[in-house]
Amino acid sequence: ACGADKGSDSSILAVEIDRSTSCALDGMLLADYPGPKAQIHFDGLTQPEFFCDTVEMFSIYLNPEQARRVSAMYVQDMAKADWDNPKGHWIDARTATYVHGSKRTGSMGPTIASFASADDARKFADAEGGKVLRFDEVTPDMAILDGGALHDQRM
């Protein structure tokens, strides 16, 4: 798995999403859904793969079959980005602090909120519930893709 690779390549910058940016996993348009977005830059590719939810990024990154080398990963700082229409505020996914299990949802239902500051993550968890985690504390069982807009069987 690529989980053993080193930190993000600082020469690779986050790419901003636009109205046509779609999710690498399910084709959903990122701009149509709330909550934190993510992008993974793989070695040898000129454009990142985008994800409409941080849960998707973790499900790919933590998958034992994931063998592609990751050169950089970015998530959005949800202390600064608008939850309902997040744009910009990209931060290194590996140095971000996360909140798992809050009341807030993203495109895939329950999400893993991302923050540049551990203090902001704690404030969010105090207000919205959930557990504050470092990147290396997020486990595969927290990144199961079984809910949300695409997978909601009630629709």
Protein backbone atom coordinates (compact mmCIF):
# COMPACT_ATOMS: atom_id res chain seq x y z
CA ALA A 1 0.00 0.00 0.00
CA CYS A 2 1.08 3.56 -0.52
CA GLY A 3 0.39 4.34 3.12
CA ALA A 4 4.09 3.92 3.87
CA ASP A 5 5.18 6.73 1.57
CA LYS A 6 6.63 9.94 2.91
CA GLY A 7 4.98 13.36 3.22
CA SER A 8 3.47 15.40 0.45
CA ASP A 9 5.71 16.83 -2.25
CA SER A 10 5.64 20.56 -1.45
CA SER A 11 6.17 21.43 -5.13
CA ILE A 12 2.74 20.00 -5.99
CA LEU A 13 -0.02 22.51 -5.39
CA ALA A 14 -3.68 21.84 -4.76
CA VAL A 15 -5.92 22.26 -7.82
CA GLU A 16 -9.11 24.26 -7.34
CA ILE A 17 -12.39 22.61 -8.26
CA ASP A 18 -14.90 24.16 -10.65
CA ARG A 19 -18.49 23.41 -11.68
CA SER A 20 -17.36 20.52 -13.90
CA THR A 21 -14.96 18.79 -11.47
CA SER A 22 -16.17 15.24 -10.92
CA CYS A 23 -15.39 12.58 -8.36
CA ALA A 24 -12.91 9.89 -9.44
CA LEU A 25 -14.97 7.17 -7.74
CA ASP A 26 -18.56 7.89 -8.70
CA GLY A 27 -18.62 10.77 -11.20
CA MET A 28 -20.61 13.04 -8.88
CA LEU A 29 -19.97 16.75 -9.44
CA LEU A 30 -18.09 18.04 -6.41
CA ALA A 31 -19.74 21.48 -6.51
CA ASP A 32 -23.20 19.93 -6.06
CA TYR A 33 -22.59 18.55 -2.57
CA PRO A 34 -21.76 19.87 0.91
CA GLY A 35 -18.86 18.98 3.15
CA PRO A 36 -15.10 18.62 2.79
CA LYS A 37 -13.62 17.58 -0.55
CA ALA A 38 -10.28 15.90 -1.21
CA GLN A 39 -7.71 15.37 -3.95
CA ILE A 40 -4.91 12.86 -4.36
CA HIS A 41 -1.97 13.56 -6.66
CA PHE A 42 -0.46 10.29 -7.89
CA ASP A 43 3.08 10.09 -9.29
CA GLY A 44 3.10 10.22 -13.07
CA LEU A 45 -0.29 11.92 -13.47
CA THR A 46 -0.58 15.59 -14.40
CA GLN A 47 -3.97 16.10 -12.73
CA PRO A 48 -5.13 14.91 -9.31
CA GLU A 49 -8.00 12.55 -8.68
CA PHE A 50 -10.78 14.43 -6.91
CA PHE A 51 -13.16 13.06 -4.30
CA CYS A 52 -16.52 14.53 -3.30
CA ASP A 53 -15.89 13.47 0.30
CA THR A 54 -12.88 12.91 2.57
CA VAL A 55 -14.27 9.44 3.37
CA GLU A 56 -13.64 8.48 -0.27
CA MET A 57 -10.05 9.75 -0.12
CA PHE A 58 -9.39 7.67 3.00
CA SER A 59 -11.10 4.61 1.50
CA ILE A 60 -8.73 4.78 -1.50
CA TYR A 61 -5.60 5.70 0.47
CA LEU A 62 -6.10 3.07 3.18
CA ASN A 63 -7.08 0.29 0.75
CA PRO A 64 -4.40 -2.44 0.90
CA GLU A 65 -4.66 -2.91 -2.89
CA GLN A 66 -3.82 0.78 -3.47
CA ALA A 67 -0.31 0.50 -4.94
CA ARG A 68 0.00 3.81 -6.83
CA ARG A 69 2.55 6.15 -5.28
CA VAL A 70 0.99 9.27 -3.78
CA SER A 71 2.93 12.49 -4.27
CA ALA A 72 0.47 14.81 -2.47
CA MET A 73 -2.98 14.78 -0.87
CA TYR A 74 -5.16 17.75 0.00
CA VAL A 75 -8.36 18.29 1.96
CA GLN A 76 -10.24 21.47 2.77
CA ASP A 77 -9.95 23.41 6.03
CA MET A 78 -13.58 23.39 7.11
CA ALA A 79 -12.95 26.09 9.72
CA LYS A 80 -12.53 28.45 6.76
CA ALA A 81 -14.52 26.85 3.92
CA ASP A 82 -18.32 27.14 3.72
CA TRP A 83 -19.70 23.70 4.67
CA ASP A 84 -22.59 23.89 2.21
CA ASN A 85 -20.49 25.13 -0.71
CA PRO A 86 -16.80 24.57 0.08
CA LYS A 87 -14.25 26.22 -2.18
CA GLY A 88 -10.52 26.66 -1.70
CA HIS A 89 -8.76 26.48 1.67
CA TRP A 90 -6.78 23.38 0.62
CA ILE A 91 -4.41 21.95 3.24
CA ASP A 92 -2.03 18.98 3.33
CA ALA A 93 -4.16 15.96 4.20
CA ARG A 94 -1.36 14.35 6.19
CA THR A 95 -0.95 17.28 8.58
CA ALA A 96 -4.68 18.04 8.93
CA THR A 97 -6.71 17.19 12.02
CA TYR A 98 -9.97 15.31 11.50
CA VAL A 99 -13.30 14.82 13.24
CA HIS A 100 -15.02 11.48 12.70
CA GLY A 101 -18.61 10.80 13.77
CA SER A 102 -20.03 14.33 13.88
CA LYS A 103 -23.65 15.25 13.10
CA ARG A 104 -22.57 17.10 9.93
CA THR A 105 -22.81 15.20 6.65
CA GLY A 106 -21.06 15.35 3.31
CA SER A 107 -21.89 13.95 -0.11
CA MET A 108 -21.55 10.35 1.08
CA GLY A 109 -23.54 10.82 4.29
CA PRO A 110 -21.45 10.70 7.48
CA THR A 111 -18.14 12.37 6.72
CA ILE A 112 -14.72 12.98 8.22
CA ALA A 113 -14.37 16.74 8.70
CA SER A 114 -10.91 18.19 8.03
CA PHE A 115 -9.17 21.11 9.74
CA ALA A 116 -5.78 22.85 9.57
CA SER A 117 -5.83 23.44 13.33
CA ALA A 118 -6.41 20.91 16.11
CA ASP A 119 -8.11 23.71 18.10
CA ASP A 120 -10.62 24.25 15.28
CA ALA A 121 -11.23 20.49 15.11
CA ARG A 122 -11.89 20.39 18.88
CA LYS A 123 -14.31 23.34 18.65
CA PHE A 124 -16.15 21.60 15.80
CA ALA A 125 -16.33 18.32 17.76
CA ASP A 126 -17.64 20.17 20.83
CA ALA A 127 -20.41 21.74 18.73
CA GLU A 128 -21.21 18.89 16.31
CA GLY A 129 -20.04 15.76 18.12
CA GLY A 130 -17.42 13.29 16.97
CA LYS A 131 -13.89 12.29 17.84
CA VAL A 132 -10.78 14.35 17.00
CA LEU A 133 -8.12 12.36 15.12
CA ARG A 134 -4.75 12.80 13.46
CA PHE A 135 -4.32 11.54 9.87
CA ASP A 136 -2.62 8.33 11.03
CA GLU A 137 -5.46 7.60 13.47
CA VAL A 138 -8.09 7.31 10.73
CA THR A 139 -8.71 3.60 10.12
CA PRO A 140 -10.23 1.72 7.16
CA ASP A 141 -13.40 0.94 9.15
CA MET A 142 -14.00 4.72 9.44
CA ALA A 143 -13.86 5.05 5.64
CA ILE A 144 -16.51 2.56 4.54
CA LEU A 145 -18.56 3.86 1.63
CA ASP A 146 -22.04 2.64 2.51
CA GLY A 147 -24.21 5.75 2.71
CA GLY A 148 -24.82 9.12 1.16
CA ALA A 149 -26.50 10.49 -1.92
CA LEU A 150 -25.24 7.93 -4.42
CA HIS A 151 -25.79 4.91 -2.21
CA ASP A 152 -29.08 5.86 -0.51
CA GLN A 153 -31.52 3.10 -1.40
CA ARG A 154 -34.51 5.16 -0.25
CA MET A 155 -34.21 7.58 -3.16
